[in-house]
């Protein structure tokens, strides 16, 4: 039950964040989606391991790209 509530809360936060950005930014600057996570993988020096993040969320970005008609062709 707590897991479902936490997931729904994260979805609401992402949606609210995007809605807020739409009022402040030009449309092309607003992200199509937001991924909320507890922490990001970091190196021993504290830098974010972007390659690990990209690999972990590759399916999310592929699904988003296929659903966006602008990326067809």
N, C-alpha and C. Protein backbone atom coordinates (compact mmCIF):
# COMPACT_ATOMS: atom_id res chain seq x y z
N UNK A 1 0.83 -1.20 0.00
CA UNK A 1 0.00 0.00 0.00
C UNK A 1 0.87 1.26 0.00
N UNK A 2 1.92 1.27 0.83
CA UNK A 2 2.80 2.44 0.88
C UNK A 2 3.53 2.63 -0.44
N UNK A 3 3.90 1.51 -1.09
CA UNK A 3 4.59 1.59 -2.37
C UNK A 3 3.69 2.24 -3.41
N UNK A 4 2.44 1.82 -3.47
CA UNK A 4 1.50 2.41 -4.44
C UNK A 4 1.28 3.89 -4.16
N UNK A 5 1.13 4.25 -2.91
CA UNK A 5 0.93 5.66 -2.55
C UNK A 5 2.15 6.48 -2.92
N UNK A 6 3.34 5.92 -2.69
CA UNK A 6 4.58 6.61 -3.03
C UNK A 6 4.69 6.80 -4.54
N UNK A 7 4.34 5.78 -5.30
CA UNK A 7 4.40 5.87 -6.75
C UNK A 7 3.43 6.92 -7.27
N UNK A 8 2.21 6.93 -6.76
CA UNK A 8 1.22 7.91 -7.18
C UNK A 8 1.69 9.32 -6.81
N UNK A 9 2.29 9.47 -5.65
CA UNK A 9 2.84 10.76 -5.24
C UNK A 9 3.91 11.24 -6.18
N UNK A 10 4.76 10.33 -6.64
CA UNK A 10 5.83 10.69 -7.58
C UNK A 10 5.25 11.12 -8.91
N UNK A 11 4.23 10.42 -9.38
CA UNK A 11 3.59 10.78 -10.64
C UNK A 11 2.98 12.18 -10.53
N UNK A 12 2.32 12.44 -9.40
CA UNK A 12 1.71 13.76 -9.20
C UNK A 12 2.78 14.86 -9.17
N UNK A 13 3.91 14.59 -8.54
CA UNK A 13 4.98 15.58 -8.47
C UNK A 13 5.50 15.88 -9.87
N UNK A 14 5.73 14.83 -10.68
CA UNK A 14 6.21 15.03 -12.04
C UNK A 14 5.23 15.83 -12.87
N UNK A 15 3.94 15.51 -12.76
CA UNK A 15 2.91 16.23 -13.50
C UNK A 15 2.81 17.68 -13.07
N UNK A 16 2.88 17.91 -11.77
CA UNK A 16 2.81 19.29 -11.26
C UNK A 16 4.03 20.09 -11.68
N UNK A 17 5.18 19.44 -11.70
CA UNK A 17 6.42 20.12 -12.11
C UNK A 17 6.33 20.54 -13.57
N UNK A 18 5.87 19.65 -14.42
CA UNK A 18 5.73 19.97 -15.85
C UNK A 18 4.70 21.08 -16.04
N UNK A 19 3.57 20.99 -15.34
CA UNK A 19 2.53 22.02 -15.45
C UNK A 19 3.08 23.38 -15.02
N UNK A 20 3.88 23.40 -13.96
CA UNK A 20 4.48 24.64 -13.50
C UNK A 20 5.46 25.20 -14.52
N UNK A 21 6.24 24.32 -15.12
CA UNK A 21 7.21 24.76 -16.12
C UNK A 21 6.51 25.36 -17.34
N UNK A 22 5.35 24.81 -17.71
CA UNK A 22 4.62 25.32 -18.86
C UNK A 22 4.20 26.77 -18.68
N UNK A 23 4.00 27.19 -17.42
CA UNK A 23 3.60 28.58 -17.18
C UNK A 23 4.81 29.51 -17.18
N UNK A 24 6.00 28.95 -17.00
CA UNK A 24 7.20 29.78 -16.89
C UNK A 24 8.10 29.76 -18.12
N UNK A 25 8.04 28.69 -18.90
CA UNK A 25 8.98 28.51 -20.01
C UNK A 25 8.26 28.43 -21.35
N UNK A 26 9.00 28.66 -22.41
CA UNK A 26 8.47 28.43 -23.76
C UNK A 26 8.24 26.94 -23.92
N UNK A 27 7.27 26.57 -24.74
CA UNK A 27 6.88 25.18 -24.91
C UNK A 27 8.02 24.24 -25.27
N UNK A 28 8.93 24.68 -26.12
CA UNK A 28 10.02 23.80 -26.54
C UNK A 28 11.04 23.54 -25.43
N UNK A 29 11.01 24.33 -24.36
CA UNK A 29 11.94 24.14 -23.25
C UNK A 29 11.38 23.23 -22.15
N UNK A 30 10.09 22.93 -22.22
CA UNK A 30 9.45 22.10 -21.19
C UNK A 30 9.69 20.63 -21.51
N UNK A 31 10.21 19.86 -20.55
CA UNK A 31 10.44 18.43 -20.81
C UNK A 31 9.12 17.70 -21.01
N UNK A 32 9.16 16.64 -21.81
CA UNK A 32 7.95 15.85 -22.06
C UNK A 32 7.63 14.95 -20.87
N UNK A 33 8.64 14.62 -20.08
CA UNK A 33 8.42 13.78 -18.90
C UNK A 33 9.49 14.08 -17.86
N UNK A 34 9.19 13.66 -16.64
CA UNK A 34 10.12 13.82 -15.52
C UNK A 34 10.21 12.48 -14.81
N UNK A 35 11.41 12.04 -14.52
CA UNK A 35 11.62 10.82 -13.76
C UNK A 35 12.06 11.23 -12.37
N UNK A 36 11.29 10.81 -11.38
CA UNK A 36 11.61 11.12 -9.99
C UNK A 36 12.29 9.90 -9.38
N UNK A 37 13.44 10.11 -8.77
CA UNK A 37 14.19 9.01 -8.16
C UNK A 37 14.72 9.46 -6.80
N UNK A 38 14.97 8.50 -5.94
CA UNK A 38 15.47 8.83 -4.61
C UNK A 38 16.91 9.33 -4.64
N UNK A 39 17.71 8.74 -5.51
CA UNK A 39 19.10 9.16 -5.61
C UNK A 39 19.66 8.81 -6.98
N UNK A 40 20.76 9.45 -7.33
CA UNK A 40 21.42 9.20 -8.59
C UNK A 40 22.76 8.51 -8.32
N UNK A 41 23.16 7.59 -9.21
CA UNK A 41 24.45 6.93 -9.01
C UNK A 41 25.59 7.93 -9.20
N UNK A 42 26.55 7.87 -8.30
CA UNK A 42 27.67 8.81 -8.34
C UNK A 42 29.00 8.08 -8.28
N UNK A 43 30.01 8.74 -8.82
CA UNK A 43 31.37 8.20 -8.74
C UNK A 43 31.91 8.47 -7.34
N UNK A 44 33.12 7.99 -7.08
CA UNK A 44 33.73 8.21 -5.77
C UNK A 44 34.03 9.68 -5.52
N UNK A 45 34.10 10.49 -6.59
CA UNK A 45 34.34 11.92 -6.43
C UNK A 45 33.05 12.74 -6.40
N UNK A 46 31.89 12.03 -6.50
CA UNK A 46 30.61 12.72 -6.37
C UNK A 46 29.96 13.16 -7.67
N UNK A 47 30.55 12.80 -8.80
CA UNK A 47 29.95 13.17 -10.09
C UNK A 47 28.85 12.16 -10.44
N UNK A 48 27.79 12.64 -11.06
CA UNK A 48 26.70 11.76 -11.47
C UNK A 48 27.16 10.90 -12.63
N UNK A 49 26.88 9.60 -12.55
CA UNK A 49 27.24 8.65 -13.60
C UNK A 49 26.12 8.66 -14.65
N UNK A 50 26.22 9.58 -15.58
CA UNK A 50 25.18 9.77 -16.59
C UNK A 50 24.97 8.52 -17.44
N UNK A 51 26.04 7.80 -17.74
CA UNK A 51 25.90 6.59 -18.54
C UNK A 51 25.06 5.54 -17.82
N UNK A 52 25.18 5.45 -16.52
CA UNK A 52 24.39 4.50 -15.74
C UNK A 52 22.92 4.93 -15.73
N UNK A 53 22.68 6.21 -15.60
CA UNK A 53 21.31 6.73 -15.62
C UNK A 53 20.67 6.48 -16.98
N UNK A 54 21.39 6.76 -18.05
CA UNK A 54 20.85 6.54 -19.40
C UNK A 54 20.50 5.08 -19.63
N UNK A 55 21.39 4.19 -19.16
CA UNK A 55 21.14 2.76 -19.32
C UNK A 55 19.94 2.31 -18.50
N UNK A 56 19.83 2.82 -17.27
CA UNK A 56 18.75 2.43 -16.38
C UNK A 56 17.38 2.86 -16.89
N UNK A 57 17.33 3.99 -17.58
CA UNK A 57 16.05 4.52 -18.05
C UNK A 57 15.92 4.49 -19.57
N UNK A 58 16.69 3.65 -20.24
CA UNK A 58 16.68 3.57 -21.70
C UNK A 58 15.29 3.23 -22.23
N UNK A 59 14.60 2.30 -21.59
CA UNK A 59 13.26 1.93 -22.06
C UNK A 59 12.30 3.10 -21.98
N UNK A 60 12.41 3.89 -20.94
CA UNK A 60 11.53 5.06 -20.79
C UNK A 60 11.72 6.01 -21.97
N UNK A 61 12.95 6.29 -22.30
CA UNK A 61 13.22 7.23 -23.39
C UNK A 61 12.85 6.66 -24.75
N UNK A 62 13.05 5.36 -24.96
CA UNK A 62 12.67 4.73 -26.22
C UNK A 62 11.16 4.76 -26.39
N UNK A 63 10.42 4.44 -25.35
CA UNK A 63 8.95 4.44 -25.42
C UNK A 63 8.45 5.85 -25.68
N UNK A 64 9.06 6.84 -25.03
CA UNK A 64 8.66 8.22 -25.21
C UNK A 64 8.94 8.68 -26.65
N UNK A 65 10.06 8.28 -27.18
CA UNK A 65 10.43 8.68 -28.53
C UNK A 65 9.49 8.09 -29.57
N UNK A 66 9.10 6.83 -29.38
CA UNK A 66 8.19 6.18 -30.32
C UNK A 66 6.78 6.76 -30.23
N UNK A 67 6.41 7.30 -29.09
CA UNK A 67 5.07 7.87 -28.91
C UNK A 67 5.00 9.29 -29.43
N UNK A 68 6.14 9.92 -29.70
CA UNK A 68 6.18 11.32 -30.14
C UNK A 68 6.22 11.40 -31.66
N UNK A 69 5.17 11.93 -32.30
CA UNK A 69 5.14 12.02 -33.76
C UNK A 69 6.24 12.89 -34.36
N UNK A 70 6.83 13.81 -33.58
CA UNK A 70 7.89 14.68 -34.09
C UNK A 70 9.14 13.89 -34.43
N UNK A 71 9.34 12.73 -33.77
CA UNK A 71 10.54 11.94 -33.99
C UNK A 71 10.39 10.87 -35.07
N UNK A 72 9.26 10.85 -35.75
CA UNK A 72 9.07 9.87 -36.81
C UNK A 72 9.71 10.35 -38.10
N UNK A 73 10.18 9.39 -38.88
CA UNK A 73 10.71 9.78 -40.18
C UNK A 73 12.11 9.48 -40.32
